[in-house]
C-alpha atoms as a PDB file:
ATOM      1  CA  MET A   1       0.000   0.000   0.000  1.00  0.00           C
ATOM      2  CA  LEU A   2       1.244   3.463  -0.884  1.00  0.00           C
ATOM      3  CA  SER A   3      -0.166   6.278   1.230  1.00  0.00           C
ATOM      4  CA  LEU A   4       0.477   9.866   0.160  1.00  0.00           C
ATOM      5  CA  ASP A   5       0.351  12.772   2.583  1.00  0.00           C
ATOM      6  CA  GLY A   6      -1.474  16.027   1.887  1.00  0.00           C
ATOM      7  CA  GLY A   7      -0.612  19.485   3.073  1.00  0.00           C
ATOM      8  CA  GLY A   8      -1.562  21.902   0.320  1.00  0.00           C
ATOM      9  CA  ILE A   9       1.358  23.067  -1.789  1.00  0.00           C
ATOM     10  CA  ARG A  10       3.635  20.779   0.259  1.00  0.00           C
ATOM     11  CA  GLY A  11       2.121  17.997  -1.852  1.00  0.00           C
ATOM     12  CA  LEU A  12       4.826  19.036  -4.300  1.00  0.00           C
ATOM     13  CA  ILE A  13       7.339  17.330  -1.993  1.00  0.00           C
ATOM     14  CA  THR A  14       5.301  14.121  -2.091  1.00  0.00           C
ATOM     15  CA  ALA A  15       5.058  14.355  -5.877  1.00  0.00           C
ATOM     16  CA  ASN A  16       8.846  14.658  -6.131  1.00  0.00           C
ATOM     17  CA  VAL A  17       9.317  11.587  -3.934  1.00  0.00           C
ATOM     18  CA  VAL A  18       6.898   9.620  -6.128  1.00  0.00           C
ATOM     19  CA  GLU A  19       8.725  10.870  -9.221  1.00  0.00           C
ATOM     20  CA  TYR A  20      11.977   9.480  -7.795  1.00  0.00           C
ATOM     21  CA  MET A  21      10.229   6.167  -7.036  1.00  0.00           C
ATOM     22  CA  GLU A  22       8.951   5.946 -10.619  1.00  0.00           C
ATOM     23  CA  ARG A  23      12.415   6.536 -12.097  1.00  0.00           C
ATOM     24  CA  TYR A  24      14.295   4.345  -9.610  1.00  0.00           C
ATOM     25  CA  SER A  25      11.882   1.409  -9.888  1.00  0.00           C
ATOM     26  CA  TYR A  26      12.051   1.553 -13.699  1.00  0.00           C
ATOM     27  CA  ASN A  27      15.850   1.567 -13.730  1.00  0.00           C
ATOM     28  CA  TYR A  28      15.985  -1.200 -11.127  1.00  0.00           C
ATOM     29  CA  THR A  29      13.557  -3.476 -12.961  1.00  0.00           C
ATOM     30  CA  ARG A  30      15.286  -2.820 -16.294  1.00  0.00           C
ATOM     31  CA  GLU A  31      18.590  -3.856 -14.748  1.00  0.00           C
ATOM     32  CA  LYS A  32      17.472  -6.795 -12.582  1.00  0.00           C
ATOM     33  CA  TYR A  33      14.385  -8.193 -14.310  1.00  0.00           C
ATOM     34  CA  CYS A  34      15.006  -7.206 -17.943  1.00  0.00           C
ATOM     35  CA  ILE A  35      11.652  -5.575 -18.612  1.00  0.00           C
ATOM     36  CA  PRO A  36      11.298  -4.126 -22.094  1.00  0.00           C
ATOM     37  CA  GLU A  37      12.390  -0.564 -22.659  1.00  0.00           C
ATOM     38  CA  ARG A  38       9.659   2.072 -22.515  1.00  0.00           C
ATOM     39  CA  PRO A  39       9.466   5.438 -24.260  1.00  0.00           C
ATOM     40  CA  ILE A  40       8.853   7.163 -20.928  1.00  0.00           C
ATOM     41  CA  GLU A  41      11.387   5.778 -18.481  1.00  0.00           C
ATOM     42  CA  ARG A  42       9.009   5.398 -15.585  1.00  0.00           C
ATOM     43  CA  MET A  43       7.325   2.585 -13.693  1.00  0.00           C
ATOM     44  CA  SER A  44       3.688   3.119 -12.825  1.00  0.00           C
ATOM     45  CA  MET A  45       2.781   3.062  -9.140  1.00  0.00           C
ATOM     46  CA  ALA A  46      -0.212   0.921 -10.167  1.00  0.00           C
ATOM     47  CA  GLU A  47       2.302  -1.763 -11.192  1.00  0.00           C
ATOM     48  CA  LEU A  48       4.117  -1.626  -7.865  1.00  0.00           C
ATOM     49  CA  PHE A  49       1.326  -1.221  -5.311  1.00  0.00           C
ATOM     50  CA  ASP A  50      -1.990  -2.990  -4.854  1.00  0.00           C
ATOM     51  CA  MET A  51      -3.500   0.090  -3.244  1.00  0.00           C
ATOM     52  CA  VAL A  52      -2.618   3.775  -3.531  1.00  0.00           C
ATOM     53  CA  SER A  53      -4.377   6.287  -1.290  1.00  0.00           C
ATOM     54  CA  GLY A  54      -3.872   9.773   0.045  1.00  0.00           C
ATOM     55  CA  THR A  55      -5.138  12.595   2.208  1.00  0.00           C
ATOM     56  CA  SER A  56      -6.141  15.978   0.790  1.00  0.00           C
ATOM     57  CA  THR A  57      -3.706  16.843  -2.023  1.00  0.00           C
ATOM     58  CA  GLY A  58      -2.198  13.384  -1.553  1.00  0.00           C
ATOM     59  CA  SER A  59      -5.506  11.892  -2.722  1.00  0.00           C
ATOM     60  CA  LEU A  60      -5.385  14.045  -5.857  1.00  0.00           C
ATOM     61  CA  LEU A  61      -1.851  12.858  -6.540  1.00  0.00           C
ATOM     62  CA  ALA A  62      -2.821   9.230  -5.835  1.00  0.00           C
ATOM     63  CA  THR A  63      -5.739   9.446  -8.241  1.00  0.00           C
ATOM     64  CA  SER A  64      -3.642  11.002 -10.986  1.00  0.00           C
ATOM     65  CA  ILE A  65      -0.785   8.477 -10.830  1.00  0.00           C
ATOM     66  CA  VAL A  66      -3.033   5.393 -11.013  1.00  0.00           C
ATOM     67  CA  LEU A  67      -5.634   6.677 -13.481  1.00  0.00           C
ATOM     68  CA  PRO A  68      -5.717   4.077 -16.268  1.00  0.00           C
ATOM     69  CA  ASN A  69      -4.778   5.053 -19.816  1.00  0.00           C
ATOM     70  CA  THR A  70      -7.765   4.784 -22.157  1.00  0.00           C
ATOM     71  CA  ASP A  71      -5.659   5.157 -25.313  1.00  0.00           C
ATOM     72  CA  LYS A  72      -5.616   1.699 -26.908  1.00  0.00           C
ATOM     73  CA  ASN A  73      -2.586   2.542 -29.070  1.00  0.00           C
ATOM     74  CA  SER A  74      -0.387   3.454 -26.114  1.00  0.00           C
ATOM     75  CA  THR A  75       1.744   0.992 -24.171  1.00  0.00           C
ATOM     76  CA  GLN A  76       1.669   3.302 -21.157  1.00  0.00           C
ATOM     77  CA  ILE A  77      -0.322   1.734 -18.316  1.00  0.00           C
ATOM     78  CA  ASN A  78      -1.512   4.878 -16.600  1.00  0.00           C
ATOM     79  CA  LYS A  79      -2.578   8.183 -18.061  1.00  0.00           C
ATOM     80  CA  PHE A  80      -0.412  10.450 -15.879  1.00  0.00           C
ATOM     81  CA  PHE A  81       2.860  10.237 -14.009  1.00  0.00           C
ATOM     82  CA  SER A  82       4.054  12.317 -11.092  1.00  0.00           C
ATOM     83  CA  THR A  83       5.920  14.618 -13.492  1.00  0.00           C
ATOM     84  CA  ASP A  84       2.503  15.750 -14.753  1.00  0.00           C
ATOM     85  CA  ALA A  85       1.400  16.466 -11.175  1.00  0.00           C
ATOM     86  CA  ILE A  86       4.630  18.389 -10.509  1.00  0.00           C
ATOM     87  CA  ARG A  87       3.989  20.487 -13.620  1.00  0.00           C
ATOM     88  CA  ILE A  88       0.422  21.229 -12.461  1.00  0.00           C
ATOM     89  CA  TYR A  89       1.630  22.167  -8.969  1.00  0.00           C
ATOM     90  CA  ALA A  90       4.194  24.528 -10.496  1.00  0.00           C
ATOM     91  CA  GLU A  91       1.738  26.144 -12.927  1.00  0.00           C
ATOM     92  CA  LEU A  92      -1.390  26.379 -10.765  1.00  0.00           C
ATOM     93  CA  GLY A  93      -0.078  26.161  -7.200  1.00  0.00           C
ATOM     94  CA  SER A  94      -0.103  29.903  -6.566  1.00  0.00           C
ATOM     95  CA  LYS A  95      -3.722  30.160  -7.746  1.00  0.00           C
ATOM     96  CA  VAL A  96      -5.057  27.075  -5.976  1.00  0.00           C
ATOM     97  CA  PHE A  97      -3.188  27.348  -2.666  1.00  0.00           C
ATOM     98  CA  GLN A  98      -3.623  30.984  -1.721  1.00  0.00           C
ATOM     99  CA  LYS A  99      -2.605  31.970   1.781  1.00  0.00           C
ATOM    100  CA  PHE A 100      -5.455  33.263   3.918  1.00  0.00           C
ATOM    101  CA  GLU A 101      -4.373  36.025   6.256  1.00  0.00           C
ATOM    102  CA  VAL A 102      -6.282  37.293   9.280  1.00  0.00           C
ATOM    103  CA  GLY A 103      -5.633  40.790  10.572  1.00  0.00           C
ATOM    104  CA  TYR A 104      -4.802  41.615  14.177  1.00  0.00           C
ATOM    105  CA  ARG A 105      -8.409  42.500  14.977  1.00  0.00           C
ATOM    106  CA  GLY A 106      -9.638  39.156  13.685  1.00  0.00           C
ATOM    107  CA  LEU A 107      -6.886  37.321  15.550  1.00  0.00           C
ATOM    108  CA  ILE A 108      -7.663  39.072  18.848  1.00  0.00           C
ATOM    109  CA  LEU A 109     -11.432  38.659  18.396  1.00  0.00           C
ATOM    110  CA  GLY A 110     -11.122  34.974  17.508  1.00  0.00           C
ATOM    111  CA  THR A 111      -8.790  34.260  20.419  1.00  0.00           C
ATOM    112  CA  THR A 112     -11.071  36.105  22.848  1.00  0.00           C
ATOM    113  CA  ILE A 113     -14.198  34.287  21.684  1.00  0.00           C
ATOM    114  CA  PHE A 114     -12.383  30.951  21.812  1.00  0.00           C
ATOM    115  CA  ALA A 115     -11.144  31.657  25.371  1.00  0.00           C
ATOM    116  CA  ILE A 116     -14.585  32.759  26.602  1.00  0.00           C
ATOM    117  CA  LEU A 117     -16.325  29.736  25.087  1.00  0.00           C
ATOM    118  CA  GLY A 118     -13.670  27.425  26.532  1.00  0.00           C
ATOM    119  CA  ALA A 119     -14.034  28.962  29.990  1.00  0.00           C
ATOM    120  CA  LEU A 120     -17.826  28.713  29.906  1.00  0.00           C
ATOM    121  CA  LEU A 121     -17.672  25.118  28.732  1.00  0.00           C
ATOM    122  CA  GLY A 122     -15.172  24.300  31.469  1.00  0.00           C
ATOM    123  CA  LEU A 123     -17.345  25.910  34.133  1.00  0.00           C
ATOM    124  CA  TRP A 124     -20.427  24.096  32.888  1.00  0.00           C
ATOM    125  CA  ILE A 125     -18.714  20.692  32.769  1.00  0.00           C
ATOM    126  CA  GLY A 126     -16.899  21.288  36.059  1.00  0.00           C
ATOM    127  CA  ALA A 127     -20.056  22.394  37.863  1.00  0.00           C
ATOM    128  CA  SER A 128     -22.056  19.428  36.671  1.00  0.00           C
ATOM    129  CA  ARG A 129     -19.313  16.929  37.435  1.00  0.00           C
ATOM    130  CA  TYR A 130     -17.824  18.114  40.720  1.00  0.00           C
ATOM    131  CA  HIS A 131     -20.526  20.169  42.408  1.00  0.00           C
ATOM    132  CA  ASP A 132     -22.441  17.636  44.430  1.00  0.00           C
ATOM    133  CA  LYS A 133     -22.849  16.924  48.149  1.00  0.00           C
ATOM    134  CA  GLU A 134     -20.965  13.601  48.158  1.00  0.00           C
ATOM    135  CA  HIS A 135     -17.917  15.124  46.471  1.00  0.00           C
ATOM    136  CA  GLU A 136     -17.822  18.023  48.936  1.00  0.00           C
ATOM    137  CA  ASP A 137     -18.152  15.632  51.897  1.00  0.00           C
ATOM    138  CA  SER A 138     -15.302  13.456  50.627  1.00  0.00           C
ATOM    139  CA  ILE A 139     -13.035  16.524  50.212  1.00  0.00           C
ATOM    140  CA  LYS A 140     -13.867  17.670  53.796  1.00  0.00           C
ATOM    141  CA  ALA A 141     -13.182  14.174  55.132  1.00  0.00           C
ATOM    142  CA  PHE A 142      -9.834  14.067  53.347  1.00  0.00           C
ATOM    143  CA  LYS A 143      -8.856  17.481  54.737  1.00  0.00           C
ATOM    144  CA  SER A 144      -9.732  16.410  58.282  1.00  0.00           C
ATOM    145  CA  PHE A 145      -7.750  13.180  57.791  1.00  0.00           C
ATOM    146  CA  ILE A 146      -4.693  15.216  56.735  1.00  0.00           C
ATOM    147  CA  GLU A 147      -5.064  17.539  59.776  1.00  0.00           C
ATOM    148  CA  ILE A 148      -5.295  14.566  62.164  1.00  0.00           C
ATOM    149  CA  ARG A 149      -2.120  13.025  60.675  1.00  0.00           C
ATOM    150  CA  ARG A 150      -0.128  16.211  61.309  1.00  0.00           C
END
C-alpha cells in the first residue's frame, strides 16, 4: 500500500518523492528483471502497489498516478505520471493554494471568543461533574484526615 500525505502546496514534496520512485523502480527493474524498454522511463505506481491512497492533495496525486490510460494505441499503463502532477503544482499552485491572512483585529477577536467559550464550557462541565454533596463531603473528610495526621 502506498499512502500519500497532503498538506496543500507541500504535496509538491510528495510528488517529487513519487517521481523518484517511478524513475528508480524503472531503472531497477530494467537492470534486474530485464523488462522491455519504454518510451517514458518510468514505472507506474499501479504496477508496484496494490493500493494507492492519500489525504487531501495526496488523494489528488494518488488518483492522478493510477488513473488508467484509455488510449488503446499506447503501451503506457496509466494516463499520468508524477511529473505531470509536478507540472500542475508549479503552474497552478499559486492560484489554488492561496494563503489566507487574518488581521490583528480578527486574531484578537477569535482568540477572545475561543477563550470565553472554553471557559464557559469548562465551568459548565466542572459544575455538573464536581458540584455535588458527596464530592464536597469526601473533600472535607480528606482534609480532616490530613489535619489529624499532622
